[in-house]
Each structure stands twice: as structure tokens, then as C-alpha cells.
């Protein structure tokens, strides 16, 4: 259809596209794509039910089918940012290292299920990018799903922390050096992630949703329930008691506090000060329950430093260029491909060192390059004009996610867990531009603050 229309006839082009967008075929593709993205998000919460039935592989197969159909019928434009390209190069290098290890050391197989891990993340990115290119309203749908669920999760976390409801237990992965945390409120220390199956995810999505909601202040003041939601999300990030993410929480609080002060002037300063004061009083009154956050827990770091991380140092000493290839055992998977000479503990708990163990110093360099290019691109992208408030919100979400991964990978593998990591690539795809024919550059306004209207 677009070949029959001249580039100058913008109004006719938009009307033609509008007719396409309400067609049954377009509606079916939109609902199918939304379902794929939503299931990636849902598996984080209902992992206990979906993982045993192998739901992940069906979701990813559905994404492949959706992309093939969309490429054939909708003529979608697929963009590969530099960070995504580096991820693909890293996967190729890890595969080369696996083949080299199979020919030089005792490795049971060359390829395994973890070899498709990074391509799965790229698949999630392409799914979301293609979906938002043809249907930018998908950002609004997913945003209105994720933020309320995270707020509800924060309320559940508070109930867990105060011992309301049934007992829920969470065993830390480094359980040899740590206690079992009891969410019923009767244990020594309570770490409450709410509905999330992973404590890191609870922190990340709490701060991410705070940033996404803060973009409202570029257009209008907060409503009362938005203020309350920000407070719940802030409290929920502390209830999880993840010390290595205090920097991310602090940066988020400073940014949201700055926007509130900018919008409300003296009232914003009063509100921000009062909120932080009440939060401080709550922390002091419950300092025993917050013991892990402010006092103990040194055993976890010592165990990582003395037992887990030396595995990577040993590999870098003996195989600095090729590493040992992809070893699922280091990521806590059930399969182990290498003998105990290389895998003394079935965990690495450091995403940077995991890349180094898989691909030697080149693998570590590719991981650094991935995070660096992602951070630069997310920052530049956030400063550019946005299509609407949800586009800006997802830009902030991507920037928050990159900072979370850059810091969190010092104390966790993160990227080796597809259930927790896949949705971050969905978010990155949703932050990409939509069809330029619907939102051409000259028609995209710069945001103005509410008080400048």
C-alpha cells in the first residue's frame, strides 16, 4: 500500500496506515505479541508453576513464529543496536570457546541448552521492538500491567515483613554460609520480595517502576494514589534487604526527589523530607528485622570471595584466552559439563567472572563492552524526544535496568537466569522507536513541564 502513496502525501499515508491498524489481521498480531511479552513477565511471578511444565520453550517458540509472520505480512523494520550486536558476538565467542574446550580438556559435550541463552534474550528484544514498531500502544498496555503488579507486590512484601499471612520461606543460593530467611516474620531476619521469585528482581522492578512513574511530573502533578504508590515501591526495595543495590535505590530516590521538588517547589521539599524522615523512623524501629541490610551477612560475601570466585581466577590463570566454554554448573543449572577440577562449587554468583570463565579475558571484555554500549545508548536515547509519556517511561526503565545489571553482576550471575533476565530485553525493545510513518521526527514534540504549559 505504501508504494502507491507519495512521500509528500502524509495525511493520506497516515489514514491508510490507520485502516491497516484496525484490520482483524493487525489486531490478531497485536494480541499475539502482547501475549508473548506478558507471558515473559508472568513467568517471573508464577515460576513455581510454569517452570515444571517447561513453559519457557513454548513462549520463545511463539516469539519466533510471531516474528516470522510479522516479517512476512507487516514489513516490520528490525533494528540491531550496537549492544545487541555485541551480545550476538559474545555468544559466537562462547561457542568457539566451548568447541576449543571440547578438543583440549575433558568436556562431556560441545553444545548444551545454555548455548541458546543469549540468542533468547535477543529474540525477546526483537519481539518487543517489532511489536512497538507496528503497535506503539503496546507500551501503555504493558506499563499498566507491570506497575500496578509491582505496587501490589510491595504491599505483599510489607505483609510478609510484618508476619501477616502464611509463612513463605526463601533459601539463599549460598546457603552454606547463610540462614534460611523466613517470610512469616518469625525468623531471625526477614527478606521480603513480595510476589517476585527473586530478590534481585524485586529490587530492580521496584526502582524501575518508581522511575517510570516519575515521568508523569514532566506533564502534570502527581495524583494521591501515585504518591502512595511511589512510597510503597520505595519501602518495598528496602524490605528485600539487598545491600549491593543501595546505590541504585539511592540514585532513584535522588532523581524522584529532584523531580518532586522541581514540580512542587517548597511543598516538594517538605514532602520529600517528611517521607525520608518517616522511612528513617521505620527503619530504626525495626532495626532488628533489618539486621541483614545494616549489620550482618558478612558470611555471604566471604563465601563468594573465598569459595566461588577463585574458580574463575583458576580458569583465567590456566586458560586466559578461551576459558572453558559455557558451563551450566556455574550458573546453578543442573547440568555439569566439566569435571570437578574446573567446577569445585556449582555456582559462581558473579556475572562478570562468569563471562570470564566462559570466554577468558575476551569474554570478560565483551561483557564490559555490552554494558558500556548499553549504558551510553540508553543515556543518549533518554535525552532524545519521545513519542509519548510511555515511551519516555520505558527509556527510564532501560537506563535503570542497565545500572542494576552493571552493579548487580558483582554479587550475582543475573544474566544466566532467563526467567529473570528475559523481560529486561522486552523493556529494551519497548523503548525503541515505533513506525516513523506514524510518528515522523518533525511531528514528535519535545516534552514540556506542566508548569510551562
Protein backbone atom coordinates (compact mmCIF):
# COMPACT_ATOMS: atom_id res chain seq x y z
CA UNK A 1 0.00 0.00 0.00
CA UNK A 2 2.74 2.45 0.88
CA UNK A 3 4.29 2.08 -2.59
CA UNK A 4 1.13 3.59 -4.10
CA UNK A 5 1.42 6.72 -1.95
CA UNK A 6 3.89 9.52 -2.46
CA UNK A 7 6.12 10.61 0.42
CA UNK A 8 4.61 14.09 0.28
CA UNK A 9 1.07 12.91 0.85
CA UNK A 10 1.50 12.48 4.60
CA UNK A 11 -2.19 12.72 5.51
CA UNK A 12 -3.17 10.00 3.03
CA UNK A 13 -0.39 7.80 4.28
CA UNK A 14 -1.47 8.12 7.90
CA UNK A 15 -5.10 7.42 7.01
CA UNK A 16 -4.06 4.32 5.07
CA UNK A 17 -1.98 3.10 7.96
CA UNK A 18 -4.87 3.77 10.29
CA UNK A 19 -7.09 1.49 8.21
CA UNK A 20 -4.44 -1.22 8.40
CA UNK A 21 -4.14 -0.87 12.17
CA UNK A 22 -7.80 -1.60 12.82
CA UNK A 23 -7.89 -4.59 10.49
CA UNK A 24 -8.54 -8.05 12.02
CA UNK A 25 -5.10 -9.26 10.93
CA UNK A 26 -3.34 -6.38 12.66
CA UNK A 27 -5.47 -6.88 15.76
CA UNK A 28 -4.59 -10.56 15.88
CA UNK A 29 -0.86 -9.83 15.56
CA UNK A 30 -1.12 -7.19 18.28
CA UNK A 31 -2.85 -9.53 20.74
CA UNK A 32 -0.46 -12.36 19.93
CA UNK A 33 2.59 -10.13 20.52
CA UNK A 34 1.13 -8.73 23.74
CA UNK A 35 0.51 -12.28 24.97
CA UNK A 36 4.13 -13.27 24.29
CA UNK A 37 5.54 -10.27 26.17
CA UNK A 38 3.10 -10.66 29.04
CA UNK A 39 3.94 -14.35 29.50
CA UNK A 40 7.62 -13.47 29.80
CA UNK A 41 6.66 -11.14 32.66
CA UNK A 42 4.25 -13.58 34.29
CA UNK A 43 6.80 -16.39 34.44
CA UNK A 44 8.81 -14.32 36.92
CA UNK A 45 5.92 -14.41 39.39
CA UNK A 46 4.49 -17.85 38.67
CA UNK A 47 7.82 -19.56 38.07
CA UNK A 48 6.88 -22.24 40.61
CA UNK A 49 4.00 -23.31 38.32
CA UNK A 50 5.32 -22.56 34.82
CA UNK A 51 8.89 -23.84 35.11
CA UNK A 52 7.97 -27.51 35.83
CA UNK A 53 5.91 -27.70 32.63
CA UNK A 54 8.65 -26.11 30.51
CA UNK A 55 6.58 -23.04 29.63
CA UNK A 56 9.67 -21.06 28.62
CA UNK A 57 10.37 -23.01 25.46
CA UNK A 58 6.76 -22.62 24.28
CA UNK A 59 6.88 -18.86 24.88
CA UNK A 60 10.12 -18.48 22.91
CA UNK A 61 8.84 -20.71 20.10
CA UNK A 62 5.75 -18.50 19.91
CA UNK A 63 8.01 -15.44 19.62
CA UNK A 64 9.90 -16.99 16.72
CA UNK A 65 6.64 -17.76 14.93
CA UNK A 66 5.32 -14.23 15.60
CA UNK A 67 8.46 -12.61 14.18
CA UNK A 68 8.37 -14.75 11.05
CA UNK A 69 4.72 -13.89 10.43
CA UNK A 70 5.31 -10.19 11.18
CA UNK A 71 8.29 -10.01 8.86
CA UNK A 72 6.28 -11.63 6.08
CA UNK A 73 2.98 -9.77 6.46
CA UNK A 74 3.68 -6.44 8.15
CA UNK A 75 7.03 -5.50 6.59
CA UNK A 76 8.36 -4.55 10.02
CA UNK A 77 11.73 -2.87 10.37
CA UNK A 78 14.23 -4.71 12.58
CA UNK A 79 16.99 -2.62 14.13
CA UNK A 80 20.01 -4.17 15.83
CA UNK A 81 21.57 -1.71 18.31
CA UNK A 82 25.29 -1.99 18.99
CA UNK A 83 24.80 -3.58 22.43
CA UNK A 84 22.59 -6.31 20.93
CA UNK A 85 25.18 -6.92 18.22
CA UNK A 86 27.90 -7.32 20.86
CA UNK A 87 25.72 -9.87 22.67
CA UNK A 88 25.49 -11.93 19.47
CA UNK A 89 29.27 -11.72 19.03
CA UNK A 90 29.70 -12.81 22.64
CA UNK A 91 27.51 -15.86 22.02
CA UNK A 92 29.61 -16.80 18.99
CA UNK A 93 32.79 -16.45 21.05
CA UNK A 94 31.39 -18.55 23.90
CA UNK A 95 30.52 -21.27 21.37
CA UNK A 96 34.04 -21.16 19.92
CA UNK A 97 35.42 -21.48 23.45
CA UNK A 98 33.14 -24.47 24.12
CA UNK A 99 34.41 -26.20 20.98
CA UNK A 100 38.01 -25.46 21.92
CA UNK A 101 37.44 -26.85 25.42
CA UNK A 102 35.86 -30.00 23.98
CA UNK A 103 39.01 -30.65 21.96
CA UNK A 104 41.53 -29.85 24.69
CA UNK A 105 40.01 -30.72 28.09
CA UNK A 106 37.56 -33.31 29.37
CA UNK A 107 34.23 -31.81 28.33
CA UNK A 108 31.21 -34.13 28.03
CA UNK A 109 29.58 -32.26 25.13
CA UNK A 110 30.20 -29.28 22.89
CA UNK A 111 26.71 -27.77 22.90
CA UNK A 112 24.05 -27.62 25.61
CA UNK A 113 20.84 -25.78 26.41
CA UNK A 114 22.67 -22.74 27.75
CA UNK A 115 24.15 -22.11 24.28
CA UNK A 116 20.88 -20.51 23.19
CA UNK A 117 20.60 -18.30 26.27
CA UNK A 118 21.94 -15.08 24.76
CA UNK A 119 20.05 -15.58 21.46
CA UNK A 120 16.87 -15.96 23.55
CA UNK A 121 17.47 -12.51 25.01
CA UNK A 122 17.97 -11.08 21.53
CA UNK A 123 14.74 -12.80 20.50
CA UNK A 124 12.87 -11.09 23.34
CA UNK A 125 14.29 -7.73 22.30
CA UNK A 126 13.28 -8.23 18.66
CA UNK A 127 9.79 -9.35 19.68
CA UNK A 128 9.17 -6.20 21.71
CA UNK A 129 10.85 -3.92 19.19
CA UNK A 130 8.79 -5.27 16.31
CA UNK A 131 5.60 -5.13 18.38
CA UNK A 132 6.08 -1.50 19.36
CA UNK A 133 7.06 -0.60 15.78
CA UNK A 134 3.68 -1.75 14.49
CA UNK A 135 1.60 -1.01 17.62
CA UNK A 136 3.07 1.70 19.91
CA UNK A 137 0.05 1.38 22.22
CA UNK A 138 1.61 -1.88 23.45
CA UNK A 139 3.83 0.23 25.73
CA UNK A 140 0.79 1.54 27.56
CA UNK A 141 -0.72 -1.92 27.99
CA UNK A 142 2.44 -3.50 29.41
CA UNK A 143 3.24 -0.46 31.54
CA UNK A 144 -0.23 -0.51 33.08
CA UNK A 145 0.25 -4.20 33.81
CA UNK A 146 3.73 -4.09 35.33
CA UNK A 147 3.45 -1.02 37.58
CA UNK A 148 0.25 -2.00 39.47
CA UNK A 149 1.53 -5.55 39.95
CA UNK A 150 4.77 -4.20 41.42
CA UNK A 151 2.82 -1.95 43.77
CA UNK A 152 0.71 -4.92 44.88
CA UNK A 153 3.93 -6.89 45.30
CA UNK A 154 5.19 -4.11 47.59
CA UNK A 155 2.07 -4.42 49.75
CA UNK A 156 2.55 -8.20 49.90
CA UNK A 157 6.20 -7.65 50.86
CA UNK A 158 5.14 -5.45 53.76
CA UNK A 159 2.72 -8.14 54.91
CA UNK A 160 5.49 -10.73 54.68
CA UNK A 161 7.82 -8.48 56.63
CA UNK A 162 5.27 -7.94 59.42
CA UNK A 163 4.40 -11.63 59.63
CA UNK A 164 0.86 -11.31 58.22
CA UNK A 165 -0.45 -14.31 56.31
CA UNK A 166 1.04 -17.75 55.69
CA UNK A 167 4.74 -18.38 56.13
CA UNK A 168 6.86 -18.31 52.97
CA UNK A 169 10.48 -19.41 53.07
CA UNK A 170 13.31 -18.43 50.77
CA UNK A 171 16.68 -20.23 50.82
CA UNK A 172 19.62 -18.14 49.74
CA UNK A 173 21.70 -19.75 46.97
CA UNK A 174 24.80 -19.50 49.13
CA UNK A 175 23.01 -21.41 51.86
CA UNK A 176 26.23 -22.90 53.16
CA UNK A 177 27.06 -19.56 54.74
CA UNK A 178 23.64 -18.05 55.27
CA UNK A 179 20.46 -18.74 57.16
CA UNK A 180 17.12 -19.60 55.62
CA UNK A 181 15.08 -16.43 55.53
CA UNK A 182 11.58 -16.76 56.89
CA UNK A 183 8.87 -14.52 55.44
CA UNK A 184 6.44 -15.30 58.23
CA UNK A 185 8.14 -12.77 60.50
CA UNK A 186 9.25 -15.42 62.98
CA UNK A 187 12.78 -15.98 61.67
CA UNK A 188 15.98 -14.17 62.60
CA UNK A 189 15.91 -11.92 59.57
CA UNK A 190 13.07 -11.21 57.17
CA UNK A 191 13.80 -10.52 53.49
CA UNK A 192 10.52 -9.90 51.70
CA UNK A 193 10.43 -9.84 47.87
CA UNK A 194 6.64 -9.82 47.66
CA UNK A 195 5.31 -11.60 44.60
CA UNK A 196 8.70 -11.84 42.93
CA UNK A 197 10.52 -15.17 42.86
CA UNK A 198 13.93 -13.47 43.01
CA UNK A 199 15.16 -10.86 45.48
CA UNK A 200 17.18 -9.04 42.83
CA UNK A 201 14.13 -8.76 40.59
CA UNK A 202 12.12 -7.27 43.45
CA UNK A 203 14.72 -4.52 43.87
CA UNK A 204 15.11 -3.86 40.16
CA UNK A 205 11.42 -3.62 39.35
CA UNK A 206 10.72 -1.50 42.42
CA UNK A 207 13.24 1.16 41.40
CA UNK A 208 12.31 0.83 37.72
CA UNK A 209 8.62 1.45 38.39
CA UNK A 210 9.46 4.47 40.56
CA UNK A 211 11.37 5.97 37.64
CA UNK A 212 8.62 5.14 35.16
CA UNK A 213 6.02 6.84 37.34
CA UNK A 214 8.23 9.88 37.87
CA UNK A 215 7.96 10.91 34.20
CA UNK A 216 4.39 11.98 34.92
CA UNK A 217 5.88 15.06 36.60
CA UNK A 218 7.06 16.31 33.21
CA UNK A 219 3.38 16.80 32.32
CA UNK A 220 1.30 17.24 35.49
CA UNK A 221 1.45 16.89 39.27
CA UNK A 222 1.14 13.51 40.96
CA UNK A 223 -2.26 12.23 41.98
CA UNK A 224 -2.67 10.97 45.53
CA UNK A 225 -2.56 7.31 44.56
CA UNK A 226 0.59 7.90 42.52
CA UNK A 227 2.25 9.45 45.56
CA UNK A 228 1.20 6.47 47.65
CA UNK A 229 2.47 4.02 45.04
CA UNK A 230 5.88 5.72 44.97
CA UNK A 231 6.08 5.37 48.76
CA UNK A 232 5.12 1.68 48.66
CA UNK A 233 7.67 0.94 45.94
CA UNK A 234 10.42 2.74 47.86
CA UNK A 235 9.67 0.81 51.04
CA UNK A 236 9.49 -2.49 49.16
CA UNK A 237 13.01 -2.00 47.75
CA UNK A 238 14.35 -1.83 51.31
CA UNK A 239 12.32 -4.76 52.62
CA UNK A 240 14.23 -7.08 50.30
CA UNK A 241 17.48 -6.09 52.06
CA UNK A 242 19.88 -6.30 49.12
CA UNK A 243 22.89 -4.26 50.16
CA UNK A 244 24.64 -4.23 46.79
CA UNK A 245 21.71 -2.32 45.26
CA UNK A 246 21.65 0.54 47.77
CA UNK A 247 23.40 2.69 45.15
CA UNK A 248 20.60 2.08 42.63
CA UNK A 249 17.97 2.82 45.29
CA UNK A 250 19.80 5.99 46.32
CA UNK A 251 20.10 7.29 42.75
CA UNK A 252 16.42 6.58 42.16
CA UNK A 253 15.37 8.41 45.33
CA UNK A 254 17.54 11.41 44.43
CA UNK A 255 16.05 11.62 40.93
CA UNK A 256 12.43 11.26 42.03
CA UNK A 257 13.03 13.69 44.90
CA UNK A 258 14.53 16.20 42.45
CA UNK A 259 11.50 15.99 40.15
CA UNK A 260 9.08 16.36 43.07
CA UNK A 261 11.00 19.38 44.37
CA UNK A 262 11.12 20.86 40.88
CA UNK A 263 7.39 20.47 40.45
CA UNK A 264 6.11 21.43 43.90
CA UNK A 265 8.87 23.84 44.98
CA UNK A 266 8.73 24.30 48.79
CA UNK A 267 5.92 21.77 49.11
CA UNK A 268 8.05 19.21 47.31
CA UNK A 269 10.95 19.78 49.69
CA UNK A 270 8.63 19.39 52.66
CA UNK A 271 7.08 16.21 51.27
CA UNK A 272 10.42 14.62 50.35
CA UNK A 273 11.93 15.45 53.74
CA UNK A 274 8.90 14.14 55.61
CA UNK A 275 8.83 10.92 53.57
CA UNK A 276 12.51 10.20 54.14
CA UNK A 277 12.12 11.08 57.81
CA UNK A 278 9.23 8.65 58.28
CA UNK A 279 11.18 5.99 56.41
CA UNK A 280 14.16 6.55 58.69
CA UNK A 281 11.98 6.23 61.79
CA UNK A 282 10.50 3.00 60.45
CA UNK A 283 13.97 1.57 59.81
CA UNK A 284 15.13 2.48 63.31
CA UNK A 285 12.04 0.99 64.95
CA UNK A 286 12.53 -2.26 63.01
CA UNK A 287 16.34 -2.30 63.07
CA UNK A 288 16.45 -5.89 64.33
CA UNK A 289 14.42 -7.14 61.35
CA UNK A 290 16.63 -5.05 59.04
CA UNK A 291 19.75 -6.64 60.54
CA UNK A 292 20.89 -8.14 57.24
CA UNK A 293 20.73 -4.76 55.48
CA UNK A 294 22.72 -2.79 58.04
CA UNK A 295 24.70 -5.25 60.18
CA UNK A 296 25.26 -8.93 59.48
CA UNK A 297 25.51 -11.05 56.40
CA UNK A 298 29.30 -10.95 56.01
CA UNK A 299 29.30 -14.73 55.57
CA UNK A 300 27.70 -14.40 52.15
CA UNK A 301 30.43 -12.14 50.78
CA UNK A 302 33.18 -14.22 52.39
CA UNK A 303 31.77 -17.39 50.86
CA UNK A 304 31.68 -15.83 47.41
CA UNK A 305 35.18 -14.38 47.76
CA UNK A 306 36.83 -17.48 49.22
CA UNK A 307 34.93 -20.39 47.63
CA UNK A 308 33.11 -19.28 44.48
CA UNK A 309 35.13 -16.59 42.75
CA UNK A 310 38.50 -18.43 42.90
CA UNK A 311 37.04 -20.87 40.36
CA UNK A 312 37.15 -18.09 37.77
CA UNK A 313 40.62 -16.99 38.83
CA UNK A 314 41.88 -20.54 38.37
CA UNK A 315 40.38 -20.74 34.87
CA UNK A 316 41.86 -17.37 33.88
CA UNK A 317 45.28 -18.49 35.09
CA UNK A 318 45.23 -21.71 33.07
CA UNK A 319 43.08 -20.74 30.07
CA UNK A 320 43.19 -16.92 29.79
CA UNK A 321 42.15 -16.74 26.13
CA UNK A 322 39.48 -19.39 25.61
CA UNK A 323 38.25 -20.10 29.13
CA UNK A 324 36.33 -23.35 29.44
CA UNK A 325 33.30 -22.52 27.33
CA UNK A 326 29.74 -22.42 28.61
CA UNK A 327 29.42 -24.38 31.87
CA UNK A 328 25.81 -24.53 33.14
CA UNK A 329 27.00 -25.68 36.57
CA UNK A 330 28.48 -22.25 37.29
CA UNK A 331 25.04 -20.72 36.80
CA UNK A 332 23.33 -23.11 39.21
CA UNK A 333 21.86 -25.25 36.42
CA UNK A 334 21.51 -28.99 36.96
CA UNK A 335 23.87 -29.96 34.12
CA UNK A 336 27.64 -30.01 34.65
CA UNK A 337 29.83 -30.50 31.57
CA UNK A 338 33.30 -30.27 33.07
CA UNK A 339 35.00 -32.32 35.83
CA UNK A 340 35.38 -31.05 39.36
CA UNK A 341 38.90 -29.90 38.56
CA UNK A 342 37.27 -26.85 36.99
CA UNK A 343 33.94 -26.78 38.84
CA UNK A 344 34.67 -27.06 42.56
CA UNK A 345 31.38 -25.37 43.53
CA UNK A 346 28.22 -25.45 41.43
CA UNK A 347 27.81 -21.69 41.49
CA UNK A 348 29.79 -18.60 40.51
CA UNK A 349 27.50 -15.80 41.78
CA UNK A 350 29.28 -13.11 39.78
CA UNK A 351 28.14 -12.23 36.29
CA UNK A 352 31.44 -10.61 35.31
CA UNK A 353 33.54 -13.58 36.40
CA UNK A 354 31.04 -15.96 34.79
CA UNK A 355 31.72 -14.34 31.41
CA UNK A 356 35.45 -14.57 32.12
CA UNK A 357 35.19 -18.27 32.96
CA UNK A 358 33.18 -18.97 29.80
CA UNK A 359 35.30 -16.96 27.37
CA UNK A 360 38.52 -15.93 29.10
CA UNK A 361 39.60 -12.31 29.08
CA UNK A 362 37.99 -11.74 25.64
CA UNK A 363 34.66 -12.92 27.09
CA UNK A 364 35.01 -10.53 30.02
CA UNK A 365 35.88 -7.72 27.61
CA UNK A 366 32.77 -8.42 25.52
CA UNK A 367 30.60 -8.32 28.64
CA UNK A 368 32.12 -4.97 29.66
CA UNK A 369 31.57 -3.66 26.13
CA UNK A 370 27.95 -4.83 26.20
CA UNK A 371 27.16 -3.00 29.43
CA UNK A 372 29.11 0.10 28.40
CA UNK A 373 27.46 0.45 24.99
CA UNK A 374 24.04 -0.26 26.52
CA UNK A 375 24.55 2.46 29.13
CA UNK A 376 25.72 5.04 26.56
CA UNK A 377 22.88 4.20 24.17
CA UNK A 378 20.27 4.27 26.96
CA UNK A 379 21.52 7.67 28.15
CA UNK A 380 21.55 9.19 24.67
CA UNK A 381 18.18 7.67 23.86
CA UNK A 382 16.65 9.06 27.07
CA UNK A 383 17.72 12.58 26.11
CA UNK A 384 16.11 12.44 22.67
CA UNK A 385 12.48 13.48 22.01
CA UNK A 386 9.94 10.81 22.88
CA UNK A 387 6.73 9.79 21.19
CA UNK A 388 4.57 9.87 24.32
CA UNK A 389 4.76 9.54 28.10
CA UNK A 390 5.04 5.74 27.98
CA UNK A 391 7.92 5.91 25.51
CA UNK A 392 9.78 8.18 27.93
CA UNK A 393 8.89 5.91 30.84
CA UNK A 394 10.40 2.85 29.18
CA UNK A 395 13.54 4.83 28.32
CA UNK A 396 13.98 5.50 32.03
CA UNK A 397 13.28 1.82 32.73
CA UNK A 398 16.07 0.74 30.37
CA UNK A 399 18.57 3.12 31.96
CA UNK A 400 17.64 1.82 35.42
CA UNK A 401 17.99 -1.78 34.26
CA UNK A 402 21.48 -1.21 32.82
CA UNK A 403 22.69 0.34 36.08
CA UNK A 404 21.11 -2.54 38.01
CA UNK A 405 22.95 -5.12 35.90
CA UNK A 406 26.27 -3.25 35.97
CA UNK A 407 26.30 -3.22 39.77
CA UNK A 408 24.36 -6.42 40.48
CA UNK A 409 26.67 -8.64 38.44
CA UNK A 410 29.36 -8.19 41.09
CA UNK A 411 27.26 -10.26 43.51
CA UNK A 412 25.10 -12.41 41.25
CA UNK A 413 25.14 -14.10 37.85
CA UNK A 414 21.92 -12.30 36.79
CA UNK A 415 22.24 -12.78 33.02
CA UNK A 416 22.48 -16.58 33.37
CA UNK A 417 18.86 -16.80 34.60
CA UNK A 418 16.47 -16.48 31.63
CA UNK A 419 13.36 -16.32 33.81
CA UNK A 420 14.58 -13.14 35.48
CA UNK A 421 16.53 -11.59 32.61
CA UNK A 422 14.29 -12.06 29.55
CA UNK A 423 11.83 -9.33 30.49
CA UNK A 424 14.58 -6.70 30.70
CA UNK A 425 15.11 -7.23 26.97
CA UNK A 426 11.37 -6.87 26.44
CA UNK A 427 11.63 -3.49 28.19
CA UNK A 428 14.58 -2.51 25.99
CA UNK A 429 12.60 -3.38 22.87
CA UNK A 430 9.61 -1.34 24.03
CA UNK A 431 11.87 1.69 24.44
CA UNK A 432 12.78 1.60 20.75
CA UNK A 433 11.03 3.97 18.31
CA UNK A 434 7.79 2.94 16.63
CA UNK A 435 6.93 3.18 12.93
CA UNK A 436 8.33 6.50 11.70
CA UNK A 437 5.36 6.82 9.34
CA UNK A 438 3.10 7.09 12.39
CA UNK A 439 5.45 9.32 14.36
CA UNK A 440 7.76 11.17 11.94
CA UNK A 441 10.58 13.15 13.54
CA UNK A 442 9.16 16.60 12.76
CA UNK A 443 5.84 15.69 14.38
CA UNK A 444 7.40 14.45 17.64
CA UNK A 445 7.19 17.30 20.17
CA UNK A 446 9.77 17.93 22.86
CA UNK A 447 8.34 17.39 26.32
CA UNK A 448 7.45 20.45 28.32
CA UNK A 449 6.87 20.50 32.05
CA UNK A 450 3.36 21.02 33.33
CA UNK A 451 4.11 24.44 34.79
CA UNK A 452 5.39 25.68 31.40
CA UNK A 453 2.17 24.92 29.52
